[in-house]
C-alpha atoms as a PDB file:
ATOM      1  CA  MET A   1     222.320  17.635 123.764  1.00  0.00           C
ATOM      2  CA  ASP A   2     218.593  17.509 122.995  1.00  0.00           C
ATOM      3  CA  SER A   3     217.836  14.580 120.670  1.00  0.00           C
ATOM      4  CA  LEU A   4     215.808  16.734 118.254  1.00  0.00           C
ATOM      5  CA  LEU A   5     218.619  19.283 118.000  1.00  0.00           C
ATOM      6  CA  LYS A   6     221.125  16.463 117.584  1.00  0.00           C
ATOM      7  CA  ASN A   7     219.111  14.943 114.720  1.00  0.00           C
ATOM      8  CA  ARG A   8     218.793  18.315 113.003  1.00  0.00           C
ATOM      9  CA  MET A   9     222.503  18.933 113.351  1.00  0.00           C
ATOM     10  CA  SER A  10     223.244  15.465 112.002  1.00  0.00           C
ATOM     11  CA  ASP A  11     220.979  15.976 108.983  1.00  0.00           C
ATOM     12  CA  GLY A  12     222.509  19.393 108.362  1.00  0.00           C
ATOM     13  CA  LEU A  13     226.056  18.038 108.461  1.00  0.00           C
ATOM     14  CA  ILE A  14     225.148  15.190 106.094  1.00  0.00           C
ATOM     15  CA  VAL A  15     223.728  17.713 103.617  1.00  0.00           C
ATOM     16  CA  LEU A  16     226.826  19.883 104.080  1.00  0.00           C
ATOM     17  CA  TYR A  17     229.118  16.902 103.518  1.00  0.00           C
ATOM     18  CA  PHE A  18     227.569  15.871 100.202  1.00  0.00           C
ATOM     19  CA  THR A  19     227.130  19.486  99.097  1.00  0.00           C
ATOM     20  CA  THR A  20     230.837  19.994  99.701  1.00  0.00           C
ATOM     21  CA  ILE A  21     231.649  16.973  97.540  1.00  0.00           C
ATOM     22  CA  VAL A  22     229.434  18.200  94.686  1.00  0.00           C
ATOM     23  CA  ILE A  23     230.901  21.716  94.833  1.00  0.00           C
ATOM     24  CA  TYR A  24     234.436  20.351  95.004  1.00  0.00           C
ATOM     25  CA  SER A  25     233.753  18.150  91.977  1.00  0.00           C
ATOM     26  CA  PHE A  26     232.466  21.214  90.103  1.00  0.00           C
ATOM     27  CA  PHE A  27     235.561  23.303  90.864  1.00  0.00           C
ATOM     28  CA  VAL A  28     237.891  20.396  90.008  1.00  0.00           C
ATOM     29  CA  PHE A  29     236.143  19.986  86.648  1.00  0.00           C
ATOM     30  CA  TYR A  30     236.709  23.667  85.814  1.00  0.00           C
ATOM     31  CA  ASP A  31     240.103  23.697  87.579  1.00  0.00           C
ATOM     32  CA  TYR A  32     239.204  26.724  89.684  1.00  0.00           C
ATOM     33  CA  GLN A  33     242.189  26.733  92.015  1.00  0.00           C
ATOM     34  CA  PRO A  34     241.271  28.918  95.034  1.00  0.00           C
ATOM     35  CA  LEU A  35     237.971  27.246  95.924  1.00  0.00           C
ATOM     36  CA  LYS A  36     239.007  23.793  94.691  1.00  0.00           C
ATOM     37  CA  GLY A  37     241.606  23.563  97.432  1.00  0.00           C
ATOM     38  CA  PHE A  38     239.245  24.844 100.106  1.00  0.00           C
ATOM     39  CA  PHE A  39     236.353  22.462  99.376  1.00  0.00           C
ATOM     40  CA  GLY A  40     238.730  19.546  98.909  1.00  0.00           C
ATOM     41  CA  PHE A  41     240.256  20.228 102.313  1.00  0.00           C
ATOM     42  CA  ILE A  42     237.036  20.550 104.363  1.00  0.00           C
ATOM     43  CA  ARG A  43     235.403  17.242 103.353  1.00  0.00           C
ATOM     44  CA  ILE A  44     237.054  15.167 106.079  1.00  0.00           C
ATOM     45  CA  PRO A  45     236.671  17.832 108.815  1.00  0.00           C
ATOM     46  CA  VAL A  46     232.924  17.910 108.083  1.00  0.00           C
ATOM     47  CA  LEU A  47     232.758  14.113 108.337  1.00  0.00           C
ATOM     48  CA  LEU A  48     234.751  14.215 111.586  1.00  0.00           C
ATOM     49  CA  LEU A  49     232.306  16.748 112.984  1.00  0.00           C
ATOM     50  CA  LEU A  50     229.373  14.599 111.889  1.00  0.00           C
ATOM     51  CA  TYR A  51     230.838  11.544 113.609  1.00  0.00           C
ATOM     52  CA  TYR A  52     231.613  13.548 116.755  1.00  0.00           C
ATOM     53  CA  PHE A  53     227.983  14.679 117.136  1.00  0.00           C
ATOM     54  CA  THR A  54     226.279  11.406 116.197  1.00  0.00           C
ATOM     55  CA  SER A  55     228.565   8.781 117.744  1.00  0.00           C
ATOM     56  CA  VAL A  56     227.342   7.064 120.902  1.00  0.00           C
ATOM     57  CA  LYS A  57     230.716   5.496 121.650  1.00  0.00           C
ATOM     58  CA  ARG A  58     233.482   7.490 120.019  1.00  0.00           C
ATOM     59  CA  ASP A  59     236.283   5.417 118.546  1.00  0.00           C
ATOM     60  CA  TYR A  60     239.498   7.444 118.566  1.00  0.00           C
ATOM     61  CA  VAL A  61     241.168   5.010 116.194  1.00  0.00           C
ATOM     62  CA  TYR A  62     238.570   6.141 113.647  1.00  0.00           C
ATOM     63  CA  PHE A  63     239.399   9.789 114.378  1.00  0.00           C
ATOM     64  CA  LEU A  64     243.065   8.959 113.784  1.00  0.00           C
ATOM     65  CA  ALA A  65     242.244   7.075 110.569  1.00  0.00           C
ATOM     66  CA  LEU A  66     240.377  10.076 109.145  1.00  0.00           C
ATOM     67  CA  PHE A  67     243.205  12.386 110.187  1.00  0.00           C
ATOM     68  CA  ILE A  68     245.692  10.158 108.328  1.00  0.00           C
ATOM     69  CA  PHE A  69     243.343  10.088 105.348  1.00  0.00           C
ATOM     70  CA  GLN A  70     243.396  13.897 105.305  1.00  0.00           C
ATOM     71  CA  ILE A  71     247.194  13.863 105.343  1.00  0.00           C
ATOM     72  CA  THR A  72     247.143  11.365 102.458  1.00  0.00           C
ATOM     73  CA  TYR A  73     244.932  13.705 100.440  1.00  0.00           C
ATOM     74  CA  LEU A  74     247.242  16.679 101.076  1.00  0.00           C
ATOM     75  CA  LEU A  75     250.362  14.699 100.122  1.00  0.00           C
ATOM     76  CA  PHE A  76     248.846  13.304  96.929  1.00  0.00           C
ATOM     77  CA  ASN A  77     247.790  16.824  95.961  1.00  0.00           C
ATOM     78  CA  LYS A  78     251.456  17.553  95.355  1.00  0.00           C
ATOM     79  CA  SER A  79     253.392  16.025  92.477  1.00  0.00           C
ATOM     80  CA  THR A  80     256.852  15.647  93.938  1.00  0.00           C
ATOM     81  CA  GLU A  81     258.520  12.270  94.329  1.00  0.00           C
ATOM     82  CA  THR A  82     258.867  12.790  98.085  1.00  0.00           C
ATOM     83  CA  SER A  83     255.196  13.682  98.597  1.00  0.00           C
ATOM     84  CA  MET A  84     254.104  10.666  96.566  1.00  0.00           C
ATOM     85  CA  PHE A  85     256.298   8.391  98.714  1.00  0.00           C
ATOM     86  CA  TYR A  86     254.903   9.726 101.989  1.00  0.00           C
ATOM     87  CA  GLY A  87     251.412   9.756 100.507  1.00  0.00           C
ATOM     88  CA  ALA A  88     251.748   6.040  99.776  1.00  0.00           C
ATOM     89  CA  LEU A  89     252.994   5.500 103.327  1.00  0.00           C
ATOM     90  CA  ALA A  90     250.066   7.455 104.805  1.00  0.00           C
ATOM     91  CA  SER A  91     247.661   5.449 102.642  1.00  0.00           C
ATOM     92  CA  VAL A  92     249.098   2.207 104.056  1.00  0.00           C
ATOM     93  CA  ILE A  93     248.660   3.487 107.621  1.00  0.00           C
ATOM     94  CA  PHE A  94     245.065   4.534 106.875  1.00  0.00           C
ATOM     95  CA  ARG A  95     244.136   1.108 105.539  1.00  0.00           C
ATOM     96  CA  PHE A  96     245.849  -0.612 108.464  1.00  0.00           C
ATOM     97  CA  LEU A  97     243.794   1.479 110.920  1.00  0.00           C
ATOM     98  CA  MET A  98     240.616   0.579 109.042  1.00  0.00           C
ATOM     99  CA  ILE A  99     241.474  -3.106 109.340  1.00  0.00           C
ATOM    100  CA  VAL A 100     242.078  -2.657 113.083  1.00  0.00           C
ATOM    101  CA  ILE A 101     238.619  -1.076 113.457  1.00  0.00           C
ATOM    102  CA  ILE A 102     236.935  -3.793 111.403  1.00  0.00           C
ATOM    103  CA  TYR A 103     238.808  -6.613 113.141  1.00  0.00           C
ATOM    104  CA  LYS A 104     237.538  -5.421 116.527  1.00  0.00           C
ATOM    105  CA  ALA A 105     233.990  -5.065 115.174  1.00  0.00           C
ATOM    106  CA  ILE A 106     233.679  -8.554 113.657  1.00  0.00           C
ATOM    107  CA  ARG A 107     233.139 -11.351 116.142  1.00  0.00           C
ATOM    108  CA  GLU A 108     233.330 -14.313 113.768  1.00  0.00           C
ATOM    109  CA  LYS A 109     236.355 -14.275 111.464  1.00  0.00           C
ATOM    110  CA  GLU A 110     236.169 -16.607 108.483  1.00  0.00           C
ATOM    111  CA  TRP A 111     239.735 -16.390 107.220  1.00  0.00           C
ATOM    112  CA  MET A 112     239.487 -18.932 104.408  1.00  0.00           C
ATOM    113  CA  LEU A 113     236.659 -17.073 102.657  1.00  0.00           C
ATOM    114  CA  THR A 114     238.349 -13.762 103.463  1.00  0.00           C
ATOM    115  CA  ILE A 115     241.513 -14.864 101.639  1.00  0.00           C
ATOM    116  CA  LEU A 116     239.611 -16.307  98.675  1.00  0.00           C
ATOM    117  CA  ALA A 117     237.398 -13.217  98.363  1.00  0.00           C
ATOM    118  CA  GLY A 118     240.425 -10.916  98.613  1.00  0.00           C
ATOM    119  CA  LEU A 119     242.507 -12.614  95.916  1.00  0.00           C
ATOM    120  CA  PRO A 120     240.722 -10.987  92.915  1.00  0.00           C
ATOM    121  CA  PHE A 121     241.258  -7.536  94.471  1.00  0.00           C
ATOM    122  CA  LEU A 122     244.933  -8.338  95.018  1.00  0.00           C
ATOM    123  CA  PHE A 123     245.480  -9.585  91.460  1.00  0.00           C
ATOM    124  CA  VAL A 124     243.924  -6.413  89.996  1.00  0.00           C
ATOM    125  CA  HIS A 125     246.045  -4.200  92.263  1.00  0.00           C
ATOM    126  CA  LEU A 126     249.249  -6.064  91.402  1.00  0.00           C
ATOM    127  CA  PHE A 127     248.383  -5.813  87.696  1.00  0.00           C
ATOM    128  CA  LEU A 128     248.028  -2.022  88.039  1.00  0.00           C
ATOM    129  CA  ILE A 129     251.350  -1.852  89.892  1.00  0.00           C
ATOM    130  CA  ASP A 130     253.032  -3.814  87.099  1.00  0.00           C
ATOM    131  CA  LEU A 131     251.712  -1.311  84.541  1.00  0.00           C
ATOM    132  CA  VAL A 132     253.321   1.652  86.309  1.00  0.00           C
ATOM    133  CA  LYS A 133     256.242   0.041  88.146  1.00  0.00           C
ATOM    134  CA  ASP A 134     258.774   2.371  86.482  1.00  0.00           C
ATOM    135  CA  VAL A 135     256.875   5.462  87.663  1.00  0.00           C
ATOM    136  CA  ILE A 136     256.514   4.316  91.287  1.00  0.00           C
ATOM    137  CA  SER A 137     259.877   2.597  91.640  1.00  0.00           C
ATOM    138  CA  ASN A 138     260.773   4.508  94.825  1.00  0.00           C
ATOM    139  CA  SER A 139     257.534   3.469  96.585  1.00  0.00           C
ATOM    140  CA  ILE A 140     256.673   0.195  94.867  1.00  0.00           C
ATOM    141  CA  TYR A 141     256.888  -1.886  98.056  1.00  0.00           C
ATOM    142  CA  LEU A 142     254.542   0.518  99.823  1.00  0.00           C
ATOM    143  CA  TRP A 143     252.055   0.152  96.971  1.00  0.00           C
ATOM    144  CA  ILE A 144     252.333  -3.641  97.114  1.00  0.00           C
ATOM    145  CA  LEU A 145     251.622  -3.486 100.860  1.00  0.00           C
ATOM    146  CA  ASN A 146     248.762  -1.108 100.109  1.00  0.00           C
ATOM    147  CA  GLY A 147     247.414  -3.694  97.673  1.00  0.00           C
ATOM    148  CA  LEU A 148     247.603  -6.456 100.278  1.00  0.00           C
ATOM    149  CA  LEU A 149     245.713  -4.341 102.822  1.00  0.00           C
ATOM    150  CA  THR A 150     243.150  -3.251 100.216  1.00  0.00           C
ATOM    151  CA  ALA A 151     242.581  -6.878  99.212  1.00  0.00           C
ATOM    152  CA  LEU A 152     242.196  -7.799 102.885  1.00  0.00           C
ATOM    153  CA  LEU A 153     239.609  -5.044 103.328  1.00  0.00           C
ATOM    154  CA  GLY A 154     237.650  -6.323 100.340  1.00  0.00           C
ATOM    155  CA  GLY A 155     237.925  -9.949 101.480  1.00  0.00           C
ATOM    156  CA  ILE A 156     236.839  -9.192 105.052  1.00  0.00           C
ATOM    157  CA  SER A 157     233.825  -7.177 103.928  1.00  0.00           C
ATOM    158  CA  VAL A 158     232.649  -9.881 101.499  1.00  0.00           C
ATOM    159  CA  SER A 159     233.102 -12.791 103.927  1.00  0.00           C
ATOM    160  CA  ASN A 160     231.542 -10.854 106.808  1.00  0.00           C
ATOM    161  CA  TYR A 161     228.456 -10.018 104.746  1.00  0.00           C
ATOM    162  CA  TYR A 162     228.181 -13.624 103.574  1.00  0.00           C
ATOM    163  CA  TYR A 163     228.218 -15.047 107.106  1.00  0.00           C
ATOM    164  CA  ASN A 164     226.592 -12.133 108.948  1.00  0.00           C
ATOM    165  CA  PRO A 165     224.152 -10.352 106.636  1.00  0.00           C
ATOM    166  CA  GLY A 166     222.614  -7.265 108.146  1.00  0.00           C
ATOM    167  CA  ASN A 167     222.658  -3.496 108.179  1.00  0.00           C
ATOM    168  CA  LYS A 168     226.130  -3.163 109.703  1.00  0.00           C
ATOM    169  CA  SER A 169     227.665  -5.716 107.324  1.00  0.00           C
ATOM    170  CA  LEU A 170     225.990  -4.085 104.314  1.00  0.00           C
ATOM    171  CA  TRP A 171     227.413  -0.640 105.124  1.00  0.00           C
ATOM    172  CA  LEU A 172     230.847  -2.209 105.564  1.00  0.00           C
ATOM    173  CA  LEU A 173     230.599  -4.115 102.284  1.00  0.00           C
ATOM    174  CA  ILE A 174     229.557  -1.025 100.324  1.00  0.00           C
ATOM    175  CA  SER A 175     232.279   1.074 101.904  1.00  0.00           C
ATOM    176  CA  CYS A 176     235.123  -1.393 101.347  1.00  0.00           C
ATOM    177  CA  LEU A 177     234.127  -2.141  97.759  1.00  0.00           C
ATOM    178  CA  PHE A 178     234.053   1.582  97.003  1.00  0.00           C
ATOM    179  CA  PHE A 179     237.464   1.974  98.670  1.00  0.00           C
ATOM    180  CA  VAL A 180     238.817  -0.774  96.408  1.00  0.00           C
ATOM    181  CA  VAL A 181     237.387   0.894  93.285  1.00  0.00           C
ATOM    182  CA  GLN A 182     238.632   4.288  94.443  1.00  0.00           C
ATOM    183  CA  ILE A 183     242.254   3.200  94.869  1.00  0.00           C
ATOM    184  CA  GLY A 184     242.157   1.477  91.473  1.00  0.00           C
ATOM    185  CA  LEU A 185     240.857   4.583  89.714  1.00  0.00           C
ATOM    186  CA  PHE A 186     243.336   6.758  91.592  1.00  0.00           C
ATOM    187  CA  PHE A 187     246.174   4.524  90.444  1.00  0.00           C
ATOM    188  CA  ILE A 188     245.114   4.636  86.804  1.00  0.00           C
ATOM    189  CA  ASN A 189     244.485   8.389  86.792  1.00  0.00           C
ATOM    190  CA  ARG A 190     247.638   9.336  88.689  1.00  0.00           C
ATOM    191  CA  PHE A 191     250.210   7.045  87.090  1.00  0.00           C
ATOM    192  CA  TYR A 192     248.867   5.602  83.842  1.00  0.00           C
ATOM    193  CA  LEU A 193     246.060   7.432  82.000  1.00  0.00           C
ATOM    194  CA  LYS A 194     244.897  10.848  83.188  1.00  0.00           C
ATOM    195  CA  GLN A 195     241.230  11.410  82.368  1.00  0.00           C
ATOM    196  CA  GLN A 196     238.782  13.970  83.740  1.00  0.00           C
ATOM    197  CA  ILE A 197     236.064  11.326  84.081  1.00  0.00           C
ATOM    198  CA  PHE A 198     238.337   9.238  86.320  1.00  0.00           C
ATOM    199  CA  LEU A 199     239.021  12.248  88.544  1.00  0.00           C
ATOM    200  CA  GLN A 200     235.316  13.019  88.892  1.00  0.00           C
ATOM    201  CA  LEU A 201     234.560   9.388  89.741  1.00  0.00           C
ATOM    202  CA  ILE A 202     237.347   9.348  92.338  1.00  0.00           C
ATOM    203  CA  ILE A 203     235.834  12.391  94.068  1.00  0.00           C
ATOM    204  CA  ILE A 204     232.324  10.908  94.138  1.00  0.00           C
ATOM    205  CA  ILE A 205     233.455   7.438  95.211  1.00  0.00           C
ATOM    206  CA  TYR A 206     235.748   9.039  97.802  1.00  0.00           C
ATOM    207  CA  GLY A 207     232.723  10.724  99.338  1.00  0.00           C
ATOM    208  CA  ILE A 208     230.487   7.656  99.280  1.00  0.00           C
ATOM    209  CA  SER A 209     233.121   5.265 100.638  1.00  0.00           C
ATOM    210  CA  ASN A 210     233.939   7.485 103.604  1.00  0.00           C
ATOM    211  CA  PHE A 211     230.271   8.176 104.354  1.00  0.00           C
ATOM    212  CA  THR A 212     229.247   4.513 104.220  1.00  0.00           C
ATOM    213  CA  PHE A 213     232.129   3.609 106.530  1.00  0.00           C
ATOM    214  CA  TYR A 214     230.881   6.312 108.900  1.00  0.00           C
ATOM    215  CA  LYS A 215     227.426   4.653 108.779  1.00  0.00           C
ATOM    216  CA  PHE A 216     229.063   1.315 109.572  1.00  0.00           C
ATOM    217  CA  MET A 217     230.727   2.915 112.602  1.00  0.00           C
ATOM    218  CA  ILE A 218     227.437   4.369 113.871  1.00  0.00           C
ATOM    219  CA  VAL A 219     225.529   1.068 113.507  1.00  0.00           C
ATOM    220  CA  LYS A 220     228.420  -0.850 115.091  1.00  0.00           C
ATOM    221  CA  GLU A 221     228.514   1.449 118.107  1.00  0.00           C
ATOM    222  CA  LYS A 222     224.757   1.303 118.627  1.00  0.00           C
ATOM    223  CA  GLU A 223     224.901  -2.480 118.563  1.00  0.00           C
ATOM    224  CA  GLU A 224     227.742  -2.486 121.101  1.00  0.00           C
ATOM    225  CA  CYS A 225     225.762  -0.234 123.437  1.00  0.00           C
ATOM    226  CA  GLU A 226     222.662  -2.409 123.328  1.00  0.00           C
ATOM    227  CA  PRO A 227     222.159  -4.675 126.364  1.00  0.00           C
ATOM    228  CA  ASN A 228     222.822  -8.359 125.675  1.00  0.00           C
END
C-alpha cells in the first residue's frame, strides 16, 4: 500500500475511533438504546482495523487480546449472574494476554520494583473486592486473580518506565495506569455505587487505555524491525 494512502487511512481510522467513543458516550448518557449498542460494539473492530493497517509486524496475540476484550464487553453488558461470571473470566484472559505481550516486549525485567510498584494497585483492588464480596460471591476468585494480574500490569509498566524511559515505555505506562483506573471505576459503578459520571469516565478511559496500548504496540514493532 502506498505510504501516503496508508497514513491517510491511519489518520482517518484514528478520527473514527475517537469519534465513535464520543458518540457512544453521548448515547449512553441519554440511554438511547438502538445506537448505544451499535457504537459500543464497533469501537474494538475499528481499533483492530487501525492496527491491521498500521502494524509493521502484526502480533496475533494482540488480535486475540482485543477479541477477548470485545467478548468481555458483550458479557458485562448483560446483568445475569452467568454473564458476569464469564465476563470476569474473559477479563482475566484479556489481562493475561496483555502480560504475555508486555513480557515479550521488555528485555530487562526488574521483578523487585515490579512487585513493590504493583502492591498499591493490588491493595486497592482487594479493598474494592471486600466491599462487594457478597455481590460477586460466585466469581470472587476470578476477581482476585484479575486484581493480581491488574497489579502486575501496573507494576511492570512503572518499573519498565523507571529503568527504560522512552516513547515505548511511556505509552505502556499511560495505557496500564488507565487500565487500572478503568477496572476500579467499573467495579465501583457495577457492584457498589452506580453513578452516571463513573460510566462516562469508564467509556473515555476505556478508549484512551486501548489506544495508548495500540501506540505501544506500534512503537514496539518498529523498534523490533530496526537493524541492530
